[in-house]
N, C-alpha and C. Protein backbone atom coordinates (compact mmCIF):
# COMPACT_ATOMS: atom_id res chain seq x y z
N UNK A 1 17.95 -11.52 9.88
CA UNK A 1 17.26 -10.27 9.63
C UNK A 1 16.00 -10.51 8.83
N UNK A 2 14.99 -9.70 9.06
CA UNK A 2 13.76 -9.88 8.30
C UNK A 2 13.73 -8.97 7.08
N UNK A 3 12.81 -9.28 6.18
CA UNK A 3 12.72 -8.54 4.91
C UNK A 3 12.48 -7.04 5.12
N UNK A 4 11.63 -6.72 6.08
CA UNK A 4 11.31 -5.32 6.32
C UNK A 4 12.52 -4.50 6.74
N UNK A 5 13.36 -5.06 7.60
CA UNK A 5 14.55 -4.34 8.05
C UNK A 5 15.55 -4.16 6.91
N UNK A 6 15.73 -5.20 6.13
CA UNK A 6 16.67 -5.11 5.01
C UNK A 6 16.16 -4.11 3.99
N UNK A 7 14.88 -4.23 3.63
CA UNK A 7 14.29 -3.30 2.66
C UNK A 7 14.38 -1.87 3.16
N UNK A 8 14.15 -1.67 4.45
CA UNK A 8 14.19 -0.33 5.03
C UNK A 8 15.57 0.31 4.87
N UNK A 9 16.61 -0.47 5.09
CA UNK A 9 17.97 0.04 4.92
C UNK A 9 18.24 0.46 3.48
N UNK A 10 17.84 -0.36 2.55
CA UNK A 10 18.01 -0.03 1.14
C UNK A 10 17.21 1.22 0.78
N UNK A 11 15.99 1.28 1.26
CA UNK A 11 15.12 2.40 0.90
C UNK A 11 15.67 3.73 1.41
N UNK A 12 16.19 3.75 2.62
CA UNK A 12 16.78 5.00 3.14
C UNK A 12 17.92 5.46 2.22
N UNK A 13 18.76 4.53 1.81
CA UNK A 13 19.88 4.89 0.94
C UNK A 13 19.37 5.32 -0.44
N UNK A 14 18.42 4.59 -0.98
CA UNK A 14 17.87 4.91 -2.31
C UNK A 14 17.17 6.26 -2.29
N UNK A 15 16.39 6.51 -1.25
CA UNK A 15 15.65 7.78 -1.14
C UNK A 15 16.62 8.96 -1.06
N UNK A 16 17.68 8.80 -0.28
CA UNK A 16 18.68 9.85 -0.15
C UNK A 16 19.36 10.09 -1.50
N UNK A 17 19.76 9.02 -2.17
CA UNK A 17 20.42 9.13 -3.47
C UNK A 17 19.51 9.78 -4.51
N UNK A 18 18.27 9.30 -4.58
CA UNK A 18 17.31 9.84 -5.56
C UNK A 18 17.00 11.30 -5.27
N UNK A 19 16.92 11.67 -4.00
CA UNK A 19 16.67 13.06 -3.63
C UNK A 19 17.79 13.97 -4.09
N UNK A 20 19.02 13.52 -3.91
CA UNK A 20 20.17 14.31 -4.34
C UNK A 20 20.20 14.48 -5.85
N UNK A 21 19.71 13.46 -6.56
CA UNK A 21 19.69 13.50 -8.02
C UNK A 21 18.43 14.19 -8.56
N UNK A 22 17.50 14.54 -7.67
CA UNK A 22 16.24 15.15 -8.09
C UNK A 22 15.32 14.15 -8.78
N UNK A 23 15.47 12.87 -8.44
CA UNK A 23 14.71 11.81 -9.10
C UNK A 23 13.77 11.05 -8.15
N UNK A 24 13.53 11.58 -6.96
CA UNK A 24 12.71 10.87 -5.98
C UNK A 24 11.30 10.61 -6.50
N UNK A 25 10.70 11.60 -7.17
CA UNK A 25 9.33 11.44 -7.66
C UNK A 25 9.25 10.44 -8.81
N UNK A 26 10.19 10.50 -9.74
CA UNK A 26 10.13 9.55 -10.86
C UNK A 26 10.41 8.14 -10.37
N UNK A 27 11.32 8.00 -9.40
CA UNK A 27 11.59 6.69 -8.83
C UNK A 27 10.35 6.16 -8.10
N UNK A 28 9.62 7.05 -7.44
CA UNK A 28 8.37 6.65 -6.78
C UNK A 28 7.39 6.11 -7.81
N UNK A 29 7.28 6.77 -8.95
CA UNK A 29 6.38 6.30 -10.01
C UNK A 29 6.78 4.91 -10.49
N UNK A 30 8.08 4.71 -10.70
CA UNK A 30 8.56 3.40 -11.17
C UNK A 30 8.29 2.31 -10.14
N UNK A 31 8.58 2.61 -8.87
CA UNK A 31 8.34 1.61 -7.82
C UNK A 31 6.85 1.32 -7.63
N UNK A 32 6.02 2.34 -7.76
CA UNK A 32 4.57 2.13 -7.65
C UNK A 32 4.08 1.23 -8.77
N UNK A 33 4.51 1.51 -9.99
CA UNK A 33 4.12 0.67 -11.13
C UNK A 33 4.64 -0.74 -10.94
N UNK A 34 5.89 -0.87 -10.52
CA UNK A 34 6.48 -2.18 -10.32
C UNK A 34 5.72 -2.98 -9.26
N UNK A 35 5.36 -2.34 -8.16
CA UNK A 35 4.66 -3.08 -7.10
C UNK A 35 3.28 -3.55 -7.55
N UNK A 36 2.60 -2.74 -8.35
CA UNK A 36 1.28 -3.15 -8.87
C UNK A 36 1.44 -4.33 -9.81
N UNK A 37 2.38 -4.25 -10.73
CA UNK A 37 2.61 -5.33 -11.70
C UNK A 37 3.08 -6.59 -10.98
N UNK A 38 3.96 -6.43 -10.01
CA UNK A 38 4.51 -7.55 -9.25
C UNK A 38 3.39 -8.35 -8.57
N UNK A 39 2.46 -7.62 -7.95
CA UNK A 39 1.37 -8.29 -7.23
C UNK A 39 0.36 -8.92 -8.17
N UNK A 40 0.20 -8.36 -9.37
CA UNK A 40 -0.76 -8.91 -10.33
C UNK A 40 -0.17 -10.03 -11.17
N UNK A 41 1.15 -10.13 -11.19
CA UNK A 41 1.81 -11.10 -12.06
C UNK A 41 2.77 -11.96 -11.25
N UNK A 42 2.29 -13.04 -10.67
CA UNK A 42 3.15 -13.90 -9.85
C UNK A 42 4.37 -14.45 -10.61
N UNK A 43 4.24 -14.57 -11.91
CA UNK A 43 5.36 -15.10 -12.69
C UNK A 43 6.55 -14.13 -12.70
N UNK A 44 6.30 -12.85 -12.47
CA UNK A 44 7.40 -11.89 -12.42
C UNK A 44 8.33 -12.21 -11.26
N UNK A 45 7.75 -12.45 -10.09
CA UNK A 45 8.58 -12.79 -8.93
C UNK A 45 9.33 -14.09 -9.18
N UNK A 46 8.66 -15.06 -9.77
CA UNK A 46 9.33 -16.34 -10.08
C UNK A 46 10.53 -16.11 -10.98
N UNK A 47 10.38 -15.23 -11.97
CA UNK A 47 11.48 -14.95 -12.89
C UNK A 47 12.62 -14.22 -12.17
N UNK A 48 12.28 -13.29 -11.31
CA UNK A 48 13.30 -12.48 -10.63
C UNK A 48 14.12 -13.31 -9.67
N UNK A 49 13.52 -14.27 -8.99
CA UNK A 49 14.27 -15.10 -8.03
C UNK A 49 14.83 -16.37 -8.67
N UNK A 50 14.54 -16.59 -9.94
CA UNK A 50 15.02 -17.78 -10.63
C UNK A 50 16.54 -17.75 -10.77
N UNK A 51 17.24 -18.76 -10.25
CA UNK A 51 18.70 -18.75 -10.32
C UNK A 51 19.25 -19.01 -11.73
N UNK A 52 18.42 -19.50 -12.63
CA UNK A 52 18.87 -19.83 -13.98
C UNK A 52 18.94 -18.60 -14.88
N UNK A 53 18.04 -17.63 -14.65
CA UNK A 53 18.03 -16.43 -15.49
C UNK A 53 19.20 -15.52 -15.15
N UNK A 54 19.80 -14.96 -16.17
CA UNK A 54 20.91 -14.03 -15.98
C UNK A 54 20.39 -12.72 -15.38
N UNK A 55 21.19 -12.07 -14.55
CA UNK A 55 20.78 -10.79 -13.97
C UNK A 55 20.40 -9.75 -15.03
N UNK A 56 21.06 -9.76 -16.17
CA UNK A 56 20.72 -8.79 -17.22
C UNK A 56 19.30 -8.99 -17.73
N UNK A 57 18.86 -10.24 -17.82
CA UNK A 57 17.49 -10.54 -18.26
C UNK A 57 16.50 -10.09 -17.19
N UNK A 58 16.84 -10.34 -15.94
CA UNK A 58 15.97 -9.93 -14.83
C UNK A 58 15.83 -8.41 -14.79
N UNK A 59 16.94 -7.70 -14.97
CA UNK A 59 16.91 -6.24 -14.97
C UNK A 59 16.04 -5.72 -16.10
N UNK A 60 16.17 -6.34 -17.25
CA UNK A 60 15.35 -5.92 -18.39
C UNK A 60 13.87 -6.12 -18.11
N UNK A 61 13.52 -7.24 -17.48
CA UNK A 61 12.12 -7.49 -17.08
C UNK A 61 11.63 -6.39 -16.14
N UNK A 62 12.46 -6.03 -15.18
CA UNK A 62 12.08 -5.01 -14.20
C UNK A 62 11.98 -3.63 -14.84
N UNK A 63 12.84 -3.33 -15.79
CA UNK A 63 12.78 -2.04 -16.49
C UNK A 63 11.47 -1.92 -17.26
N UNK A 64 11.07 -3.00 -17.91
CA UNK A 64 9.82 -2.99 -18.68
C UNK A 64 8.63 -2.94 -17.74
N UNK A 65 8.64 -3.77 -16.69
CA UNK A 65 7.51 -3.83 -15.76
C UNK A 65 7.28 -2.51 -15.04
N UNK A 66 8.36 -1.80 -14.72
CA UNK A 66 8.25 -0.55 -13.97
C UNK A 66 7.99 0.65 -14.88
N UNK A 67 8.25 0.48 -16.17
CA UNK A 67 8.12 1.59 -17.10
C UNK A 67 9.34 2.52 -17.07
N UNK A 68 10.40 2.09 -16.38
CA UNK A 68 11.58 2.93 -16.22
C UNK A 68 12.46 2.96 -17.46
N UNK A 69 12.39 1.92 -18.28
CA UNK A 69 13.24 1.87 -19.46
C UNK A 69 14.70 1.97 -19.07
N UNK A 70 15.41 2.93 -19.64
CA UNK A 70 16.84 3.10 -19.36
C UNK A 70 17.11 4.24 -18.39
N UNK A 71 16.18 4.50 -17.47
CA UNK A 71 16.38 5.55 -16.48
C UNK A 71 17.64 5.25 -15.66
N UNK A 72 18.55 6.20 -15.63
CA UNK A 72 19.85 5.99 -14.99
C UNK A 72 19.72 5.69 -13.49
N UNK A 73 18.89 6.45 -12.81
CA UNK A 73 18.75 6.28 -11.36
C UNK A 73 18.15 4.92 -11.04
N UNK A 74 17.09 4.55 -11.75
CA UNK A 74 16.46 3.26 -11.50
C UNK A 74 17.44 2.13 -11.80
N UNK A 75 18.20 2.25 -12.88
CA UNK A 75 19.17 1.22 -13.23
C UNK A 75 20.28 1.10 -12.20
N UNK A 76 20.70 2.22 -11.60
CA UNK A 76 21.71 2.16 -10.54
C UNK A 76 21.16 1.46 -9.31
N UNK A 77 19.88 1.69 -9.03
CA UNK A 77 19.23 1.00 -7.91
C UNK A 77 19.22 -0.50 -8.18
N UNK A 78 18.83 -0.88 -9.40
CA UNK A 78 18.81 -2.31 -9.76
C UNK A 78 20.21 -2.91 -9.66
N UNK A 79 21.22 -2.17 -10.12
CA UNK A 79 22.60 -2.66 -10.04
C UNK A 79 22.99 -2.94 -8.59
N UNK A 80 22.64 -2.02 -7.69
CA UNK A 80 22.93 -2.20 -6.27
C UNK A 80 22.24 -3.44 -5.72
N UNK A 81 20.95 -3.57 -6.03
CA UNK A 81 20.17 -4.70 -5.51
C UNK A 81 20.72 -6.02 -6.04
N UNK A 82 21.01 -6.09 -7.30
CA UNK A 82 21.51 -7.34 -7.89
C UNK A 82 22.95 -7.64 -7.45
N UNK A 83 23.78 -6.61 -7.32
CA UNK A 83 25.16 -6.81 -6.87
C UNK A 83 25.17 -7.46 -5.48
N UNK A 84 24.21 -7.06 -4.64
CA UNK A 84 24.14 -7.60 -3.27
C UNK A 84 23.20 -8.80 -3.15
N UNK A 85 22.72 -9.29 -4.29
CA UNK A 85 21.84 -10.47 -4.34
C UNK A 85 20.60 -10.30 -3.46
N UNK A 86 19.96 -9.13 -3.61
CA UNK A 86 18.76 -8.82 -2.83
C UNK A 86 17.52 -8.69 -3.71
N UNK A 87 17.55 -9.29 -4.89
CA UNK A 87 16.42 -9.14 -5.80
C UNK A 87 15.11 -9.69 -5.24
N UNK A 88 15.20 -10.66 -4.34
CA UNK A 88 13.97 -11.20 -3.74
C UNK A 88 13.30 -10.17 -2.81
N UNK A 89 14.01 -9.08 -2.49
CA UNK A 89 13.48 -8.04 -1.62
C UNK A 89 12.86 -6.88 -2.39
N UNK A 90 12.88 -6.95 -3.72
CA UNK A 90 12.45 -5.81 -4.53
C UNK A 90 11.03 -5.35 -4.25
N UNK A 91 10.09 -6.27 -4.07
CA UNK A 91 8.72 -5.84 -3.77
C UNK A 91 8.68 -5.07 -2.46
N UNK A 92 9.37 -5.56 -1.45
CA UNK A 92 9.42 -4.88 -0.15
C UNK A 92 10.06 -3.51 -0.29
N UNK A 93 11.12 -3.44 -1.08
CA UNK A 93 11.79 -2.16 -1.31
C UNK A 93 10.84 -1.19 -2.00
N UNK A 94 10.13 -1.67 -3.03
CA UNK A 94 9.20 -0.81 -3.77
C UNK A 94 8.09 -0.29 -2.85
N UNK A 95 7.51 -1.17 -2.07
CA UNK A 95 6.42 -0.76 -1.17
C UNK A 95 6.91 0.22 -0.11
N UNK A 96 8.07 -0.05 0.46
CA UNK A 96 8.59 0.83 1.50
C UNK A 96 9.00 2.18 0.91
N UNK A 97 9.51 2.18 -0.30
CA UNK A 97 9.88 3.44 -0.95
C UNK A 97 8.64 4.31 -1.17
N UNK A 98 7.56 3.68 -1.63
CA UNK A 98 6.30 4.42 -1.81
C UNK A 98 5.87 5.05 -0.49
N UNK A 99 5.96 4.27 0.58
CA UNK A 99 5.53 4.74 1.90
C UNK A 99 6.38 5.93 2.35
N UNK A 100 7.68 5.84 2.19
CA UNK A 100 8.57 6.93 2.61
C UNK A 100 8.31 8.19 1.80
N UNK A 101 8.07 8.03 0.51
CA UNK A 101 7.78 9.20 -0.34
C UNK A 101 6.50 9.90 0.12
N UNK A 102 5.48 9.10 0.41
CA UNK A 102 4.22 9.69 0.87
C UNK A 102 4.40 10.39 2.21
N UNK A 103 5.15 9.77 3.11
CA UNK A 103 5.39 10.40 4.41
C UNK A 103 6.14 11.72 4.25
N UNK A 104 7.11 11.74 3.34
CA UNK A 104 7.89 12.96 3.16
C UNK A 104 7.05 14.08 2.57
N UNK A 105 5.98 13.73 1.86
CA UNK A 105 5.09 14.72 1.26
C UNK A 105 3.85 14.96 2.12
N UNK A 106 3.83 14.36 3.32
CA UNK A 106 2.69 14.47 4.22
C UNK A 106 1.40 13.98 3.56
N UNK A 107 1.50 12.84 2.87
CA UNK A 107 0.34 12.23 2.22
C UNK A 107 0.05 10.89 2.88
N UNK A 108 -1.22 10.51 2.84
CA UNK A 108 -1.61 9.22 3.40
C UNK A 108 -2.70 8.61 2.52
N UNK A 109 -2.59 7.30 2.28
CA UNK A 109 -3.64 6.58 1.56
C UNK A 109 -4.75 6.26 2.54
N UNK A 110 -5.97 6.63 2.17
CA UNK A 110 -7.14 6.36 2.99
C UNK A 110 -8.13 5.56 2.15
N UNK A 111 -8.61 4.47 2.71
CA UNK A 111 -9.58 3.64 2.01
C UNK A 111 -10.94 3.85 2.66
N UNK A 112 -11.85 4.39 1.88
CA UNK A 112 -13.20 4.70 2.34
C UNK A 112 -14.16 3.71 1.70
N UNK A 113 -14.78 2.89 2.52
CA UNK A 113 -15.73 1.90 2.03
C UNK A 113 -17.13 2.34 2.44
N UNK A 114 -18.03 2.41 1.46
CA UNK A 114 -19.42 2.79 1.71
C UNK A 114 -20.35 1.77 1.08
N UNK A 115 -21.61 1.81 1.48
CA UNK A 115 -22.60 0.87 0.95
C UNK A 115 -23.03 1.26 -0.47
N UNK A 116 -22.97 2.54 -0.78
CA UNK A 116 -23.34 3.03 -2.11
C UNK A 116 -22.25 3.98 -2.60
N UNK A 117 -22.18 4.17 -3.90
CA UNK A 117 -21.20 5.09 -4.47
C UNK A 117 -21.53 6.52 -4.04
N UNK A 118 -20.48 7.29 -3.77
CA UNK A 118 -20.67 8.68 -3.34
C UNK A 118 -20.54 9.61 -4.54
N UNK A 119 -21.32 10.69 -4.52
CA UNK A 119 -21.18 11.68 -5.60
C UNK A 119 -19.90 12.48 -5.35
N UNK A 120 -19.43 13.16 -6.37
CA UNK A 120 -18.15 13.86 -6.32
C UNK A 120 -18.09 14.93 -5.23
N UNK A 121 -19.18 15.69 -5.05
CA UNK A 121 -19.20 16.74 -4.03
C UNK A 121 -19.03 16.16 -2.63
N UNK A 122 -19.76 15.09 -2.35
CA UNK A 122 -19.67 14.44 -1.04
C UNK A 122 -18.28 13.88 -0.82
N UNK A 123 -17.71 13.28 -1.85
CA UNK A 123 -16.37 12.71 -1.76
C UNK A 123 -15.33 13.79 -1.48
N UNK A 124 -15.44 14.92 -2.16
CA UNK A 124 -14.49 16.02 -1.93
C UNK A 124 -14.63 16.58 -0.52
N UNK A 125 -15.87 16.69 -0.05
CA UNK A 125 -16.10 17.19 1.30
C UNK A 125 -15.51 16.23 2.34
N UNK A 126 -15.74 14.94 2.15
CA UNK A 126 -15.18 13.93 3.06
C UNK A 126 -13.65 13.93 3.01
N UNK A 127 -13.09 14.07 1.81
CA UNK A 127 -11.62 14.09 1.67
C UNK A 127 -11.03 15.24 2.46
N UNK A 128 -11.67 16.40 2.40
CA UNK A 128 -11.20 17.56 3.16
C UNK A 128 -11.29 17.32 4.65
N UNK A 129 -12.40 16.75 5.09
CA UNK A 129 -12.58 16.46 6.51
C UNK A 129 -11.54 15.46 7.00
N UNK A 130 -11.31 14.42 6.21
CA UNK A 130 -10.32 13.40 6.57
C UNK A 130 -8.93 14.02 6.64
N UNK A 131 -8.59 14.84 5.65
CA UNK A 131 -7.27 15.50 5.62
C UNK A 131 -7.09 16.39 6.84
N UNK A 132 -8.12 17.13 7.23
CA UNK A 132 -8.03 17.98 8.42
C UNK A 132 -7.84 17.15 9.68
N UNK A 133 -8.54 16.04 9.76
CA UNK A 133 -8.44 15.15 10.93
C UNK A 133 -7.04 14.55 11.03
N UNK A 134 -6.49 14.11 9.89
CA UNK A 134 -5.19 13.43 9.91
C UNK A 134 -4.01 14.41 9.82
N UNK A 135 -4.28 15.68 9.53
CA UNK A 135 -3.24 16.69 9.35
C UNK A 135 -2.26 16.32 8.24
N UNK A 136 -2.78 15.65 7.23
CA UNK A 136 -2.00 15.27 6.05
C UNK A 136 -2.92 15.29 4.84
N UNK A 137 -2.36 15.35 3.68
CA UNK A 137 -3.15 15.25 2.46
C UNK A 137 -3.64 13.82 2.33
N UNK A 138 -4.93 13.65 2.19
CA UNK A 138 -5.51 12.31 2.09
C UNK A 138 -5.71 11.92 0.63
N UNK A 139 -5.16 10.79 0.25
CA UNK A 139 -5.41 10.22 -1.06
C UNK A 139 -6.51 9.18 -0.83
N UNK A 140 -7.74 9.55 -1.15
CA UNK A 140 -8.89 8.72 -0.80
C UNK A 140 -9.20 7.74 -1.92
N UNK A 141 -9.22 6.46 -1.57
CA UNK A 141 -9.59 5.39 -2.48
C UNK A 141 -10.96 4.89 -2.03
N UNK A 142 -11.92 4.93 -2.93
CA UNK A 142 -13.27 4.53 -2.54
C UNK A 142 -13.56 3.09 -2.95
N UNK A 143 -14.30 2.42 -2.10
CA UNK A 143 -14.72 1.04 -2.33
C UNK A 143 -16.21 0.98 -2.00
N UNK A 144 -16.97 0.33 -2.86
CA UNK A 144 -18.39 0.16 -2.60
C UNK A 144 -18.63 -1.28 -2.16
N UNK A 145 -19.24 -1.43 -0.99
CA UNK A 145 -19.57 -2.75 -0.44
C UNK A 145 -21.00 -2.69 0.09
N UNK A 146 -21.97 -3.15 -0.71
CA UNK A 146 -23.38 -3.09 -0.29
C UNK A 146 -23.65 -3.85 1.02
N UNK A 147 -22.79 -4.80 1.38
CA UNK A 147 -22.98 -5.56 2.62
C UNK A 147 -22.86 -4.69 3.88
N UNK A 148 -22.32 -3.48 3.74
CA UNK A 148 -22.24 -2.58 4.90
C UNK A 148 -23.62 -2.08 5.32
N UNK A 149 -24.58 -2.15 4.44
CA UNK A 149 -25.96 -1.69 4.61
C UNK A 149 -26.03 -0.17 4.62
N UNK A 150 -25.19 0.47 5.39
CA UNK A 150 -25.13 1.93 5.48
C UNK A 150 -23.91 2.32 6.28
N UNK A 151 -23.65 3.60 6.38
CA UNK A 151 -22.48 4.06 7.12
C UNK A 151 -21.22 3.93 6.27
N UNK A 152 -20.07 3.80 6.95
CA UNK A 152 -18.81 3.73 6.23
C UNK A 152 -17.72 3.07 7.08
N UNK A 153 -16.66 2.69 6.41
CA UNK A 153 -15.45 2.20 7.06
C UNK A 153 -14.29 3.06 6.54
N UNK A 154 -13.38 3.41 7.41
CA UNK A 154 -12.18 4.15 7.04
C UNK A 154 -10.95 3.36 7.46
N UNK A 155 -9.99 3.26 6.56
CA UNK A 155 -8.73 2.60 6.89
C UNK A 155 -7.58 3.48 6.43
N UNK A 156 -6.59 3.68 7.30
CA UNK A 156 -5.37 4.39 6.93
C UNK A 156 -4.26 3.89 7.83
N UNK A 157 -3.06 3.90 7.30
CA UNK A 157 -1.90 3.38 8.03
C UNK A 157 -2.29 2.05 8.69
N UNK A 158 -2.23 1.99 10.00
CA UNK A 158 -2.60 0.75 10.70
C UNK A 158 -3.93 0.90 11.44
N UNK A 159 -4.69 1.93 11.09
CA UNK A 159 -5.94 2.22 11.79
C UNK A 159 -7.15 1.83 10.96
N UNK A 160 -8.22 1.47 11.68
CA UNK A 160 -9.47 1.16 11.01
C UNK A 160 -10.63 1.63 11.88
N UNK A 161 -11.53 2.36 11.26
CA UNK A 161 -12.75 2.80 11.95
C UNK A 161 -13.92 2.21 11.20
N UNK A 162 -14.79 1.52 11.92
CA UNK A 162 -15.95 0.90 11.29
C UNK A 162 -17.21 1.54 11.85
N UNK A 163 -17.82 2.41 11.07
CA UNK A 163 -19.06 3.08 11.45
C UNK A 163 -20.21 2.60 10.58
N UNK A 164 -20.18 1.32 10.21
CA UNK A 164 -21.21 0.78 9.33
C UNK A 164 -22.39 0.25 10.13
N UNK A 165 -23.51 0.19 9.47
CA UNK A 165 -24.71 -0.39 10.10
C UNK A 165 -24.49 -1.88 10.33
N UNK A 166 -23.79 -2.54 9.42
CA UNK A 166 -23.50 -3.97 9.59
C UNK A 166 -22.77 -4.20 10.91
N UNK A 167 -21.77 -3.40 11.21
CA UNK A 167 -21.00 -3.55 12.45
C UNK A 167 -21.90 -3.30 13.67
N UNK A 168 -22.74 -2.29 13.59
CA UNK A 168 -23.66 -2.00 14.69
C UNK A 168 -24.60 -3.18 14.93
N UNK A 169 -25.13 -3.75 13.86
CA UNK A 169 -26.03 -4.90 14.00
C UNK A 169 -25.30 -6.12 14.58
N UNK A 170 -24.05 -6.30 14.19
CA UNK A 170 -23.26 -7.40 14.75
C UNK A 170 -23.05 -7.23 16.25
N UNK A 171 -22.80 -5.99 16.67
CA UNK A 171 -22.60 -5.73 18.10
C UNK A 171 -23.88 -5.96 18.89
N UNK A 172 -25.01 -5.54 18.32
CA UNK A 172 -26.31 -5.76 18.98
C UNK A 172 -26.58 -7.25 19.09
N UNK A 173 -26.33 -7.98 18.03
CA UNK A 173 -26.53 -9.43 18.04
C UNK A 173 -25.66 -10.09 19.11
N UNK A 174 -24.40 -9.66 19.19
CA UNK A 174 -23.47 -10.22 20.17
C UNK A 174 -23.96 -9.95 21.59
N UNK A 175 -24.44 -8.74 21.85
CA UNK A 175 -24.95 -8.40 23.18
C UNK A 175 -26.19 -9.22 23.52
N UNK A 176 -27.09 -9.34 22.56
CA UNK A 176 -28.32 -10.09 22.81
C UNK A 176 -28.04 -11.55 23.07
N UNK A 177 -27.15 -12.15 22.28
CA UNK A 177 -26.84 -13.58 22.47
C UNK A 177 -26.09 -13.81 23.77
N UNK A 178 -25.19 -12.89 24.15
CA UNK A 178 -24.47 -13.09 25.41
C UNK A 178 -25.41 -12.91 26.60
N UNK A 179 -26.35 -11.95 26.51
CA UNK A 179 -27.34 -11.79 27.58
C UNK A 179 -28.25 -13.01 27.66
N UNK A 180 -28.63 -13.54 26.52
CA UNK A 180 -29.49 -14.73 26.48
C UNK A 180 -28.75 -15.92 27.08
N UNK A 181 -27.48 -16.09 26.71
CA UNK A 181 -26.68 -17.20 27.23
C UNK A 181 -26.55 -17.10 28.74
N UNK A 182 -26.33 -15.90 29.28
CA UNK A 182 -26.22 -15.72 30.72
C UNK A 182 -27.54 -16.02 31.41
N UNK A 183 -28.64 -15.60 30.80
CA UNK A 183 -29.97 -15.84 31.37
C UNK A 183 -30.28 -17.33 31.42
N UNK A 184 -29.95 -18.05 30.37
CA UNK A 184 -30.21 -19.49 30.30
C UNK A 184 -29.33 -20.23 31.31
N UNK A 185 -28.10 -19.83 31.48
CA UNK A 185 -27.18 -20.50 32.40
C UNK A 185 -27.59 -20.25 33.85
N UNK A 186 -28.18 -19.10 34.13
CA UNK A 186 -28.58 -18.77 35.50
C UNK A 186 -29.85 -19.50 35.93
N UNK A 187 -30.56 -20.07 35.01
CA UNK A 187 -31.82 -20.76 35.37
C UNK A 187 -31.59 -22.17 35.78
């Protein structure tokens, strides 16, 4: 079995349990914090999968990293994961849990890359347009990349739209070089 399938099974059970306890949102916050810390701190993963460290020490590390402290629901989730020796799947579980929570709230992360920073009014207008297009609430994350020259790139879920001037220039260059290559070969 792959990590995604295993994590998905755990997440469905965790989401159902947390929903019944009215803790789905707080658990989402803990998992979001944990996934950010996990990716920024490679030593955390090393500690969690280390066979020498006791599970109680690992759980304490995760409680601190997630900001959950002694939250009962989060601790029951950790107990389940450690009892089944699935601690190496925790990042996958955290990421998938975030995704399921957003889907249940009809939210989507959208990454908007532009050549220059956008003013707040323009950003709000674009956020509304994106939300209408996707039929979901868009959580827009902005990135400034001067190499785009102009235009924008949008990424959400598994989709990417590139409306940048850089992309247009690359396509023109590709067409010109392929036409030139064909012309030279035909002579």
